[in-house]
Amino acid sequence: MNQENRFNLIDEPWIPVADAGRVSLREIFANPNLRALGGNPVERIALTKLLLAIAQTAATPEDDRQWSSMGPDGMSHACLAYLEKWYDRFWLYGERPFLQFPVLKGTRLLSYGAVLPEVATGNTTVLTQSQAERELSDEERAVLLAMLMGFALAGKKTDNTTVLTPGYRGKTKPNGRPCSGRYGPSIGFMGHLHNFLRGERIQQTLWLNLFSGAQIEEMRFYTEGVGHPPWEQMPEGEDCQTARRLRGSLMGWLVPLSRFCLLEQDGLHYTEGIAYPTYKDGGVDPSVAVNRSARTPKTLWVDPEKRPWRQLTALLGFMGKSDKGSFECPQISLGLGRARGRVTVIGIWSGGLRVSSNAGEQYASGSDDFVESMVFLETEVLGESWYHILSQEMSHLEGIAKRLYGAILNFYQQQKMDGGDYAAMGSNLFWQLAERYFQQLLESCEPDEESVRKRQELRRRFASLLLGTFDNFCPHETARQLEAWATSRPNLSDYLNQGATR
């Protein structure tokens, strides 16, 4: 590909947006009516982080007061001015391509499908048309580039024979042979669950997730502070001084260069980039929730069998002041409190991709999948008492779901049958049905009498869903089935009669 500057990300429409198609970076910050980013959950996370990196560079406020007075409009104007100033750094192709390394020219060329988790390549069976490899447009390549920075999968697809920092041993085994590529910091071992606050429009969403200088200093995680975005000064190698500064700054976690790439017409040159510490080693991705109270830190992983809304109480654990050892997600804990009084309703979006690993190779197969969920909270009612009620109600809901699993299992065991699969499917169906009413539960977690009445009604609704699920999975037509059904059917009288949490 020639070195002529082509396809500027500021001008060209490449970012998928709901109800609007693809838009440019300029339109993101110039059009206040754009509702939400499009694409799959991983693309949305990567693009949100990229846009936040631009906003943090152009408009990091000193404190909450400056953040509030700036608002989405002030942030957007600052971002537009920044994009104009650094216009020449946003060419996708050219002498200085965006987030790429021209020095990789001449190294092994990899097909684009090989780095897309949903595309089947090599000897992998193609089950649906969406899994078939195809040629990518410039717009799709730009999105892929943003995604690969943090969501690159581990494995041998990286050409780790290429080392840019002289003497760097991080890509080499003790015997001198190249190592497999590490997983990107945004994906982790099994697939990190990422979380962001959500506003009514994209600009408000970015503003709600924008950290102030005081908050960044309060976190004490980023020794280099906000830092400088990599497109202003790209590192020369995997462990140069610039790479080390990126690893220790907020900017380096919003746009982590975990892969060094160069896009070509027929594929990309692809090698491992900066090695970031994992959450166990002290690495902090601001949109990932981590519990550091135990000897071994824990994080919230993506689980296709457990939708993200079911982990909301863990994500909001900071509200329960008496709850020790809760998970903390800076993007949520630092942003939610200051939004009170400035927005009436705020959304929490959670999502990611579940992946599997085998012998150092990461892939998406079997039950692995993208997941996402969105809930809305009224900021005026948020607090310790609201959180306590929600936690108790969710605890009771988890309790009756376990009863359902045991009841279905017992029904089949009485008939000398293995009911494990049926019990799992029944429990999964119950949670799918219950999700329809979760938003109503969030809106009824106040201690007043009207909210108590609403929670009692919701308990009756959940109980009805559970018993209906049991009946669907446990036929009761023959005498033998009827006897097993009658003795196994869950008794939910305590759940219904003990009264909703006050």
Protein backbone atom coordinates (compact mmCIF):
# COMPACT_ATOMS: atom_id res chain seq x y z
CA MET A 1 0.00 0.00 0.00
CA ASN A 2 1.41 3.44 -0.88
CA GLN A 3 2.38 6.05 1.70
CA GLU A 4 -0.16 8.65 0.59
CA ASN A 5 -2.29 9.97 3.43
CA ARG A 6 -5.76 8.48 3.02
CA PHE A 7 -8.96 8.01 5.05
CA ASN A 8 -8.85 10.54 7.88
CA LEU A 9 -10.83 9.32 10.90
CA ILE A 10 -11.89 12.86 11.73
CA ASP A 11 -13.68 13.32 8.39
CA GLU A 12 -14.63 9.83 7.20
CA PRO A 13 -17.75 8.10 8.56
CA TRP A 14 -16.51 4.90 10.25
CA ILE A 15 -17.96 4.78 13.80
CA PRO A 16 -21.22 2.76 13.97
CA VAL A 17 -24.01 4.69 15.70
CA ALA A 18 -27.50 3.46 16.50
CA ASP A 19 -30.16 4.91 14.16
CA ALA A 20 -27.52 6.90 12.23
CA GLY A 21 -25.25 4.44 10.43
CA ARG A 22 -21.56 5.37 10.47
CA VAL A 23 -20.30 8.79 11.50
CA SER A 24 -16.92 10.52 11.73
CA LEU A 25 -15.05 11.59 14.86
CA ARG A 26 -15.98 15.19 14.08
CA GLU A 27 -19.68 14.37 13.97
CA ILE A 28 -19.50 12.49 17.28
CA PHE A 29 -18.51 15.72 19.00
CA ALA A 30 -20.45 18.11 16.74
CA ASN A 31 -23.85 16.42 16.70
CA PRO A 32 -25.50 16.38 20.16
CA ASN A 33 -28.40 14.23 18.93
CA LEU A 34 -26.49 10.97 18.35
CA ARG A 35 -28.02 8.46 20.72
CA ALA A 36 -25.64 5.55 21.25
CA LEU A 37 -22.75 3.66 19.68
CA GLY A 38 -23.53 0.63 17.55
CA GLY A 39 -21.64 -2.56 16.77
CA ASN A 40 -21.17 -5.61 18.96
CA PRO A 41 -20.38 -5.14 22.69
CA VAL A 42 -16.60 -5.43 22.25
CA GLU A 43 -16.59 -2.83 19.46
CA ARG A 44 -18.67 -0.52 21.63
CA ILE A 45 -16.28 -0.87 24.55
CA ALA A 46 -13.21 -0.21 22.39
CA LEU A 47 -14.80 2.81 20.69
CA THR A 48 -16.04 4.23 24.00
CA LYS A 49 -12.52 4.00 25.39
CA LEU A 50 -11.06 5.67 22.29
CA LEU A 51 -13.56 8.53 22.49
CA LEU A 52 -12.89 8.89 26.22
CA ALA A 53 -9.16 9.06 25.50
CA ILE A 54 -9.81 11.99 23.15
CA ALA A 55 -12.05 13.66 25.73
CA GLN A 56 -9.59 13.11 28.60
CA THR A 57 -6.78 14.58 26.49
CA ALA A 58 -8.78 17.59 25.37
CA ALA A 59 -10.93 18.35 28.40
CA THR A 60 -9.87 16.71 31.67
CA PRO A 61 -11.48 18.92 34.34
CA GLU A 62 -9.61 19.77 37.52
CA ASP A 63 -12.43 18.69 39.84
CA ASP A 64 -16.15 17.92 39.99
CA ARG A 65 -17.09 21.59 39.98
CA GLN A 66 -15.24 22.21 36.72
CA TRP A 67 -16.65 18.97 35.32
CA SER A 68 -20.19 20.13 36.12
CA SER A 69 -19.77 23.64 34.70
CA MET A 70 -18.15 22.30 31.53
CA GLY A 71 -21.03 19.92 30.72
CA PRO A 72 -21.29 17.85 27.55
CA ASP A 73 -21.22 20.96 25.33
CA GLY A 74 -18.00 22.35 26.78
CA MET A 75 -16.35 18.93 26.56
CA SER A 76 -17.40 18.51 22.93
CA HIS A 77 -16.14 21.95 21.88
CA ALA A 78 -12.77 21.21 23.47
CA CYS A 79 -12.62 17.88 21.65
CA LEU A 80 -13.39 19.47 18.28
CA ALA A 81 -10.61 22.00 18.80
CA TYR A 82 -8.23 19.19 19.76
CA LEU A 83 -9.09 17.15 16.67
CA GLU A 84 -8.40 20.12 14.42
CA LYS A 85 -5.03 20.69 16.11
CA TRP A 86 -3.95 17.06 15.68
CA TYR A 87 -5.68 16.43 12.37
CA ASP A 88 -2.56 14.97 10.71
CA ARG A 89 -2.33 12.19 13.35
CA PHE A 90 -5.66 10.61 12.40
CA TRP A 91 -4.88 9.26 8.93
CA LEU A 92 -5.65 5.53 8.78
CA TYR A 93 -3.10 5.10 5.97
CA GLY A 94 0.00 7.11 5.15
CA GLU A 95 3.48 7.87 6.43
CA ARG A 96 2.25 8.07 10.02
CA PRO A 97 -0.85 5.81 10.16
CA PHE A 98 -3.11 6.02 13.21
CA LEU A 99 -1.98 3.65 16.02
CA GLN A 100 0.19 1.69 13.56
CA PHE A 101 3.86 0.87 13.01
CA PRO A 102 5.17 1.31 9.45
CA VAL A 103 8.38 -0.43 10.54
CA LEU A 104 6.44 -3.71 10.43
CA LYS A 105 6.31 -3.54 6.63
CA GLY A 106 7.76 -6.75 5.25
CA THR A 107 6.95 -8.94 8.27
CA ARG A 108 4.46 -11.83 8.10
CA LEU A 109 1.03 -10.83 6.73
CA LEU A 110 -2.02 -12.17 8.57
CA SER A 111 -5.58 -12.25 7.20
CA TYR A 112 -8.11 -9.99 8.88
CA GLY A 113 -10.40 -12.91 9.67
CA ALA A 114 -7.68 -14.49 11.81
CA VAL A 115 -7.98 -11.72 14.44
CA LEU A 116 -11.80 -11.57 14.51
CA PRO A 117 -13.16 -13.91 17.22
CA GLU A 118 -16.49 -14.43 15.43
CA VAL A 119 -14.91 -15.41 12.08
CA ALA A 120 -13.98 -19.03 11.29
CA THR A 121 -10.54 -19.42 9.69
CA GLY A 122 -8.16 -22.30 9.06
CA ASN A 123 -9.82 -25.69 9.62
CA THR A 124 -12.64 -24.25 11.75
CA THR A 125 -16.10 -25.22 10.55
CA VAL A 126 -18.25 -22.38 9.17
CA LEU A 127 -21.76 -22.77 10.60
CA THR A 128 -23.37 -19.49 9.54
CA GLN A 129 -22.71 -16.88 6.86
CA SER A 130 -21.63 -14.36 9.50
CA GLN A 131 -18.68 -16.64 10.36
CA ALA A 132 -17.32 -16.64 6.80
CA GLU A 133 -14.20 -14.57 6.18
CA ARG A 134 -14.65 -11.64 3.81
CA GLU A 135 -12.83 -8.53 2.68
CA LEU A 136 -13.13 -5.63 5.13
CA SER A 137 -13.89 -2.05 4.15
CA ASP A 138 -11.74 0.84 5.40
CA GLU A 139 -14.45 1.65 7.94
CA GLU A 140 -14.44 -1.89 9.31
CA ARG A 141 -10.64 -1.95 9.45
CA ALA A 142 -10.64 1.25 11.51
CA VAL A 143 -13.04 -0.31 14.05
CA LEU A 144 -10.98 -3.52 14.10
CA LEU A 145 -7.80 -1.53 14.78
CA ALA A 146 -9.42 0.18 17.78
CA MET A 147 -10.65 -3.20 19.06
CA LEU A 148 -7.29 -4.98 18.70
CA MET A 149 -5.52 -2.51 20.96
CA GLY A 150 -7.10 -4.02 24.08
CA PHE A 151 -9.15 -7.03 22.98
CA ALA A 152 -6.52 -9.05 21.10
CA LEU A 153 -6.79 -12.77 21.84
CA ALA A 154 -3.81 -14.76 23.08
CA GLY A 155 -2.16 -17.27 20.79
CA LYS A 156 0.34 -17.97 18.06
CA LYS A 157 -1.18 -15.64 15.47
CA THR A 158 1.09 -12.81 16.59
CA ASP A 159 4.41 -12.70 14.75
CA ASN A 160 6.61 -12.54 17.83
CA THR A 161 9.78 -13.08 15.82
CA THR A 162 9.58 -9.30 15.37
CA VAL A 163 11.03 -7.37 18.34
CA LEU A 164 11.31 -3.58 18.15
CA THR A 165 13.01 -2.83 21.47
CA PRO A 166 16.65 -4.05 21.33
CA GLY A 167 17.29 -6.67 24.02
CA TYR A 168 13.61 -7.04 24.97
CA ARG A 169 12.96 -10.62 26.13
CA GLY A 170 9.22 -10.43 26.78
CA LYS A 171 8.37 -12.12 23.47
CA THR A 172 10.94 -14.90 23.72
CA LYS A 173 11.09 -18.22 25.56
CA PRO A 174 14.20 -19.21 27.56
CA ASN A 175 15.24 -21.42 24.62
CA GLY A 176 15.21 -18.41 22.31
CA ARG A 177 12.06 -19.32 20.39
CA PRO A 178 9.22 -16.74 20.13
CA CYS A 179 6.40 -16.92 22.72
CA SER A 180 2.69 -16.98 21.95
CA GLY A 181 1.04 -13.59 22.16
CA ARG A 182 -0.49 -12.59 25.50
CA TYR A 183 -4.15 -11.68 25.76
CA GLY A 184 -5.00 -8.00 25.62
CA PRO A 185 -5.64 -6.20 28.94
CA SER A 186 -9.26 -5.48 28.01
CA ILE A 187 -10.15 -9.15 27.41
CA GLY A 188 -8.17 -10.87 30.17
CA PHE A 189 -8.11 -14.63 30.64
CA MET A 190 -11.84 -15.38 30.24
CA GLY A 191 -13.33 -12.06 29.17
CA HIS A 192 -13.57 -9.05 31.48
CA LEU A 193 -17.00 -7.54 32.10
CA HIS A 194 -16.77 -3.82 31.25
CA ASN A 195 -19.07 -1.20 32.72
CA PHE A 196 -19.90 2.38 31.76
CA LEU A 197 -22.39 5.01 32.80
CA ARG A 198 -24.86 5.82 30.07
CA GLY A 199 -26.60 9.08 29.28
CA GLU A 200 -29.39 9.96 26.87
CA ARG A 201 -26.93 10.84 24.08
CA ILE A 202 -23.33 9.92 23.21
CA GLN A 203 -21.90 13.28 24.26
CA GLN A 204 -23.59 13.05 27.66
CA THR A 205 -22.37 9.47 28.04
CA LEU A 206 -18.77 10.54 27.45
CA TRP A 207 -19.15 13.47 29.85
CA LEU A 208 -20.57 11.22 32.59
CA ASN A 209 -17.59 8.87 32.25
CA LEU A 210 -14.96 11.63 32.13
CA PHE A 211 -12.58 11.55 35.10
CA SER A 212 -11.43 14.75 36.77
CA GLY A 213 -7.78 15.34 37.63
CA ALA A 214 -8.69 15.04 41.31
CA GLN A 215 -10.32 11.64 40.75
CA ILE A 216 -7.32 10.33 38.81
CA GLU A 217 -5.04 11.42 41.64
CA GLU A 218 -7.43 9.87 44.18
CA MET A 219 -7.27 6.48 42.42
CA ARG A 220 -3.47 6.31 42.98
CA PHE A 221 -3.23 3.67 40.28
CA TYR A 222 -1.74 5.69 37.45
CA THR A 223 1.74 6.87 38.35
CA GLU A 224 1.92 8.89 35.11
CA GLY A 225 -1.47 10.53 35.67
CA VAL A 226 -3.64 11.15 32.61
CA GLY A 227 -0.65 10.79 30.31
CA HIS A 228 -0.50 11.51 26.58
CA PRO A 229 -2.39 9.54 23.93
CA PRO A 230 -0.23 7.25 21.78
CA TRP A 231 -1.13 8.99 18.50
CA GLU A 232 0.68 12.11 19.73
CA GLN A 233 3.87 10.13 20.31
CA MET A 234 3.95 6.47 19.33
CA PRO A 235 6.39 4.21 21.18
CA GLU A 236 9.44 2.98 19.31
CA GLY A 237 9.13 -0.49 20.77
CA GLU A 238 7.59 -2.79 23.35
CA ASP A 239 9.57 -1.48 26.34
CA CYS A 240 10.88 1.95 25.39
CA GLN A 241 10.45 4.97 27.64
CA THR A 242 7.24 6.02 25.87
CA ALA A 243 5.82 2.50 26.25
CA ARG A 244 6.55 2.54 29.98
CA ARG A 245 4.81 5.89 30.39
CA LEU A 246 1.77 4.57 28.54
CA ARG A 247 1.66 1.49 30.78
CA GLY A 248 1.54 3.71 33.87
CA SER A 249 -1.03 6.26 32.66
CA LEU A 250 -4.80 6.37 32.32
CA MET A 251 -4.34 7.06 28.60
CA GLY A 252 -2.41 3.84 28.19
CA TRP A 253 -5.34 1.86 29.62
CA LEU A 254 -7.98 3.64 27.55
CA VAL A 255 -6.00 2.91 24.36
CA PRO A 256 -3.67 0.05 25.32
CA LEU A 257 -1.19 -0.77 22.56
CA SER A 258 -1.09 -4.47 23.37
CA ARG A 259 -0.61 -5.17 19.67
CA PHE A 260 1.63 -3.44 17.15
CA CYS A 261 -0.11 -3.50 13.76
CA LEU A 262 0.16 -2.23 10.21
CA LEU A 263 -2.92 -2.44 7.99
CA GLU A 264 -2.60 -3.55 4.36
CA GLN A 265 -5.13 -4.23 1.64
CA ASP A 266 -5.03 -8.01 2.02
CA GLY A 267 -4.36 -8.29 5.74
CA LEU A 268 -2.28 -6.87 8.56
CA HIS A 269 1.19 -7.16 10.03
CA TYR A 270 0.66 -8.18 13.62
CA THR A 271 2.94 -8.63 16.62
CA GLU A 272 2.64 -8.34 20.38
CA GLY A 273 3.05 -4.82 21.68
CA ILE A 274 3.22 -3.39 25.20
CA ALA A 275 2.79 -6.01 27.95
CA TYR A 276 0.30 -4.71 30.52
CA PRO A 277 0.00 -6.07 34.08
CA THR A 278 -3.09 -8.16 34.82
CA TYR A 279 -5.62 -7.22 37.49
CA LYS A 280 -3.83 -9.69 39.82
CA ASP A 281 -0.56 -7.83 39.30
CA GLY A 282 -2.05 -4.42 40.04
CA GLY A 283 -3.23 -3.43 36.58
CA VAL A 284 -6.31 -1.22 36.65
CA ASP A 285 -8.67 -0.92 33.71
CA PRO A 286 -11.13 1.81 34.82
CA SER A 287 -14.15 0.02 33.32
CA VAL A 288 -13.42 -3.35 34.96
CA ALA A 289 -14.61 -4.26 38.48
CA VAL A 290 -12.02 -5.77 40.83
CA ASN A 291 -12.18 -6.92 44.46
CA ARG A 292 -8.74 -6.40 46.03
CA SER A 293 -9.64 -7.19 49.64
CA ALA A 294 -8.57 -10.84 49.45
CA ARG A 295 -5.02 -12.14 49.08
CA THR A 296 -5.79 -12.94 45.44
CA PRO A 297 -7.80 -10.17 43.72
CA LYS A 298 -11.02 -11.18 41.97
CA THR A 299 -12.78 -9.67 38.97
CA LEU A 300 -16.19 -9.95 37.33
CA TRP A 301 -16.02 -12.11 34.22
CA VAL A 302 -18.46 -12.27 31.33
CA ASP A 303 -20.81 -15.23 31.77
CA PRO A 304 -23.33 -15.98 28.98
CA GLU A 305 -25.30 -18.09 31.48
CA LYS A 306 -25.52 -15.19 33.93
CA ARG A 307 -26.61 -11.94 32.36
CA PRO A 308 -24.72 -8.83 33.60
CA TRP A 309 -27.77 -7.35 35.37
CA ARG A 310 -27.55 -10.17 37.92
CA GLN A 311 -24.14 -8.83 38.99
CA LEU A 312 -25.39 -5.28 39.58
CA THR A 313 -25.27 -5.61 43.38
CA ALA A 314 -21.62 -6.69 43.18
CA LEU A 315 -20.86 -3.76 40.89
CA LEU A 316 -22.59 -1.30 43.26
CA GLY A 317 -21.05 -2.80 46.40
CA PHE A 318 -19.41 0.54 47.25
CA MET A 319 -22.87 1.83 48.21
CA GLY A 320 -23.12 -0.67 51.06
CA LYS A 321 -20.78 1.03 53.51
CA SER A 322 -20.88 -1.98 55.80
CA ASP A 323 -20.03 -4.36 52.94
CA LYS A 324 -16.36 -5.17 53.18
CA GLY A 325 -14.49 -6.63 50.28
CA SER A 326 -16.80 -5.35 47.56
CA PHE A 327 -15.91 -4.98 43.90
CA GLU A 328 -14.86 -1.56 42.70
CA CYS A 329 -15.17 -0.25 39.17
CA PRO A 330 -13.78 3.32 39.00
CA GLN A 331 -15.89 4.11 35.95
CA ILE A 332 -19.04 3.48 38.02
CA SER A 333 -18.08 4.29 41.61
CA LEU A 334 -16.45 7.65 40.83
CA GLY A 335 -19.02 8.74 38.26
CA LEU A 336 -22.29 7.70 39.86
CA GLY A 337 -22.07 9.86 42.98
CA ARG A 338 -21.32 13.13 41.21
CA ALA A 339 -24.12 12.53 38.68
CA ARG A 340 -26.65 12.89 41.48
CA GLY A 341 -28.36 16.26 41.17
CA ARG A 342 -27.07 16.75 37.64
CA VAL A 343 -29.04 14.03 35.86
CA THR A 344 -32.36 12.54 36.97
CA VAL A 345 -31.95 9.09 35.44
CA ILE A 346 -28.66 7.43 34.62
CA GLY A 347 -27.97 4.15 32.85
CA ILE A 348 -25.39 1.48 33.65
CA TRP A 349 -24.25 -0.52 30.63
CA SER A 350 -22.32 -3.75 31.13
CA GLY A 351 -20.98 -6.07 28.46
CA GLY A 352 -18.12 -8.03 26.97
CA LEU A 353 -17.12 -11.29 25.32
CA ARG A 354 -16.60 -14.67 26.97
CA VAL A 355 -13.62 -16.61 25.61
CA SER A 356 -12.01 -20.00 26.24
CA SER A 357 -8.34 -20.94 26.45
CA ASN A 358 -6.40 -24.07 25.62
CA ALA A 359 -2.63 -24.43 25.62
CA GLY A 360 -2.16 -20.66 25.46
CA GLU A 361 -4.58 -20.21 22.57
CA GLN A 362 -7.68 -18.07 23.14
CA TYR A 363 -10.85 -18.45 21.09
CA ALA A 364 -14.63 -18.08 21.21
CA SER A 365 -16.49 -21.36 20.79
CA GLY A 366 -19.20 -23.51 22.34
CA SER A 367 -21.22 -21.43 24.78
CA ASP A 368 -18.87 -18.41 24.51
CA ASP A 369 -20.67 -15.32 23.32
CA PHE A 370 -21.09 -11.55 23.51
CA VAL A 371 -23.26 -10.35 26.40
CA GLU A 372 -24.63 -6.98 27.41
CA SER A 373 -27.33 -5.46 29.57
CA MET A 374 -28.60 -2.00 30.42
CA VAL A 375 -30.37 -0.79 33.56
CA PHE A 376 -31.58 2.68 34.50
CA LEU A 377 -31.36 4.19 37.99
CA GLU A 378 -33.06 7.22 39.50
CA THR A 379 -30.16 9.15 41.00
CA GLU A 380 -32.23 10.75 43.79
CA VAL A 381 -32.99 7.45 45.52
CA LEU A 382 -29.52 5.93 45.31
CA GLY A 383 -27.86 5.31 48.63
CA GLU A 384 -27.14 2.74 51.32
CA SER A 385 -30.79 1.98 52.18
CA TRP A 386 -31.74 1.56 48.49
CA TYR A 387 -28.74 -0.70 47.93
CA HIS A 388 -29.56 -2.78 51.03
CA ILE A 389 -33.12 -3.42 49.84
CA LEU A 390 -31.96 -4.33 46.33
CA SER A 391 -29.31 -6.69 47.72
CA GLN A 392 -31.85 -8.46 49.92
CA GLU A 393 -34.38 -8.84 47.13
CA MET A 394 -31.74 -10.21 44.76
CA SER A 395 -30.52 -12.58 47.46
CA HIS A 396 -34.07 -13.95 47.88
CA LEU A 397 -34.42 -14.24 44.10
CA GLU A 398 -31.16 -16.20 43.88
CA GLY A 399 -32.48 -18.40 46.68
CA ILE A 400 -35.70 -19.41 44.94
CA ALA A 401 -33.81 -19.95 41.67
CA LYS A 402 -31.64 -22.51 43.49
CA ARG A 403 -34.80 -24.15 44.79
CA LEU A 404 -36.09 -24.41 41.23
CA TYR A 405 -32.89 -26.10 40.10
CA GLY A 406 -33.07 -28.58 42.98
CA ALA A 407 -36.79 -29.23 42.44
CA ILE A 408 -36.38 -30.09 38.73
CA LEU A 409 -33.38 -32.26 39.54
CA ASN A 410 -35.33 -34.10 42.24
CA PHE A 411 -38.29 -34.64 39.90
CA TYR A 412 -36.14 -36.57 37.43
CA GLN A 413 -34.13 -38.39 40.08
CA GLN A 414 -37.34 -39.83 41.51
CA GLN A 415 -37.90 -41.37 38.10
CA LYS A 416 -34.33 -42.74 37.91
CA MET A 417 -33.36 -40.19 35.26
CA ASP A 418 -30.50 -37.71 34.97
CA GLY A 419 -32.13 -34.31 35.26
CA GLY A 420 -29.02 -32.11 35.39
CA ASP A 421 -29.49 -30.64 31.92
CA TYR A 422 -33.20 -30.03 32.50
CA ALA A 423 -32.49 -28.32 35.83
CA ALA A 424 -29.90 -26.05 34.22
CA MET A 425 -32.22 -25.16 31.34
CA GLY A 426 -35.10 -24.50 33.71
CA SER A 427 -33.00 -22.21 35.90
CA ASN A 428 -31.75 -20.35 32.82
CA LEU A 429 -35.30 -19.89 31.50
CA PHE A 430 -36.46 -18.53 34.85
CA TRP A 431 -33.75 -15.87 34.84
CA GLN A 432 -34.62 -14.90 31.28
CA LEU A 433 -38.25 -14.42 32.27
CA ALA A 434 -37.32 -12.57 35.47
CA GLU A 435 -35.16 -10.09 33.54
CA ARG A 436 -38.28 -8.49 32.11
CA TYR A 437 -39.20 -7.23 35.59
CA PHE A 438 -35.77 -6.28 36.91
CA GLN A 439 -36.16 -2.63 35.97
CA GLN A 440 -39.40 -2.54 37.97
CA LEU A 441 -37.54 -4.01 40.93
CA LEU A 442 -34.90 -1.28 40.71
CA GLU A 443 -37.65 1.34 40.77
CA SER A 444 -39.28 -0.12 43.89
CA CYS A 445 -36.33 -0.37 46.28
CA GLU A 446 -37.32 2.50 48.57
CA PRO A 447 -38.45 1.98 52.18
CA ASP A 448 -41.87 3.64 51.79
CA GLU A 449 -45.16 1.71 51.89
CA GLU A 450 -45.91 2.09 48.19
CA SER A 451 -42.56 0.55 47.27
CA VAL A 452 -43.14 -2.31 49.72
CA ARG A 453 -46.46 -3.02 48.00
CA LYS A 454 -44.76 -3.02 44.58
CA ARG A 455 -42.09 -5.44 45.79
CA GLN A 456 -44.73 -7.79 47.17
CA GLU A 457 -46.44 -7.76 43.79
CA LEU A 458 -43.15 -8.46 42.07
CA ARG A 459 -42.53 -11.40 44.42
CA ARG A 460 -45.85 -12.88 43.39
CA ARG A 461 -44.85 -12.34 39.76
CA PHE A 462 -41.46 -14.03 40.23
CA ALA A 463 -43.08 -16.92 42.10
CA SER A 464 -45.57 -17.40 39.28
CA LEU A 465 -42.76 -17.43 36.71
CA LEU A 466 -40.83 -19.97 38.74
CA LEU A 467 -43.74 -22.35 39.25
CA GLY A 468 -44.70 -22.05 35.58
CA THR A 469 -41.12 -22.93 34.62
CA PHE A 470 -41.19 -25.96 36.91
CA ASP A 471 -44.45 -27.16 35.36
CA ASN A 472 -43.05 -26.76 31.84
CA PHE A 473 -39.97 -28.85 32.58
CA CYS A 474 -41.70 -31.45 34.76
CA PRO A 475 -44.57 -33.19 32.94
CA HIS A 476 -47.32 -34.54 35.21
CA GLU A 477 -49.55 -36.68 33.05
CA THR A 478 -48.94 -40.24 34.25
CA ALA A 479 -49.47 -41.35 37.84
CA ARG A 480 -45.72 -41.72 38.35
CA GLN A 481 -45.02 -38.27 36.95
CA LEU A 482 -47.81 -36.75 39.00
CA GLU A 483 -46.44 -38.21 42.24
CA ALA A 484 -42.92 -36.91 41.51
CA TRP A 485 -44.34 -33.54 40.45
CA ALA A 486 -46.37 -33.16 43.65
CA THR A 487 -43.49 -34.05 45.97
CA SER A 488 -40.90 -31.96 44.09
CA ARG A 489 -42.84 -28.78 43.29
CA PRO A 490 -41.27 -25.84 45.17
CA ASN A 491 -43.12 -24.41 48.16
CA LEU A 492 -42.66 -20.64 48.01
CA SER A 493 -44.94 -19.66 50.89
CA ASP A 494 -42.04 -18.31 52.96
CA TYR A 495 -40.85 -16.17 50.04
CA LEU A 496 -44.35 -14.79 49.53
CA ASN A 497 -45.37 -14.35 53.16
CA GLN A 498 -42.23 -13.10 54.88
CA GLY A 499 -42.81 -9.60 53.52
CA ALA A 500 -40.74 -7.55 51.15
CA THR A 501 -37.49 -6.11 52.47
CA ARG A 502 -37.89 -2.78 54.20
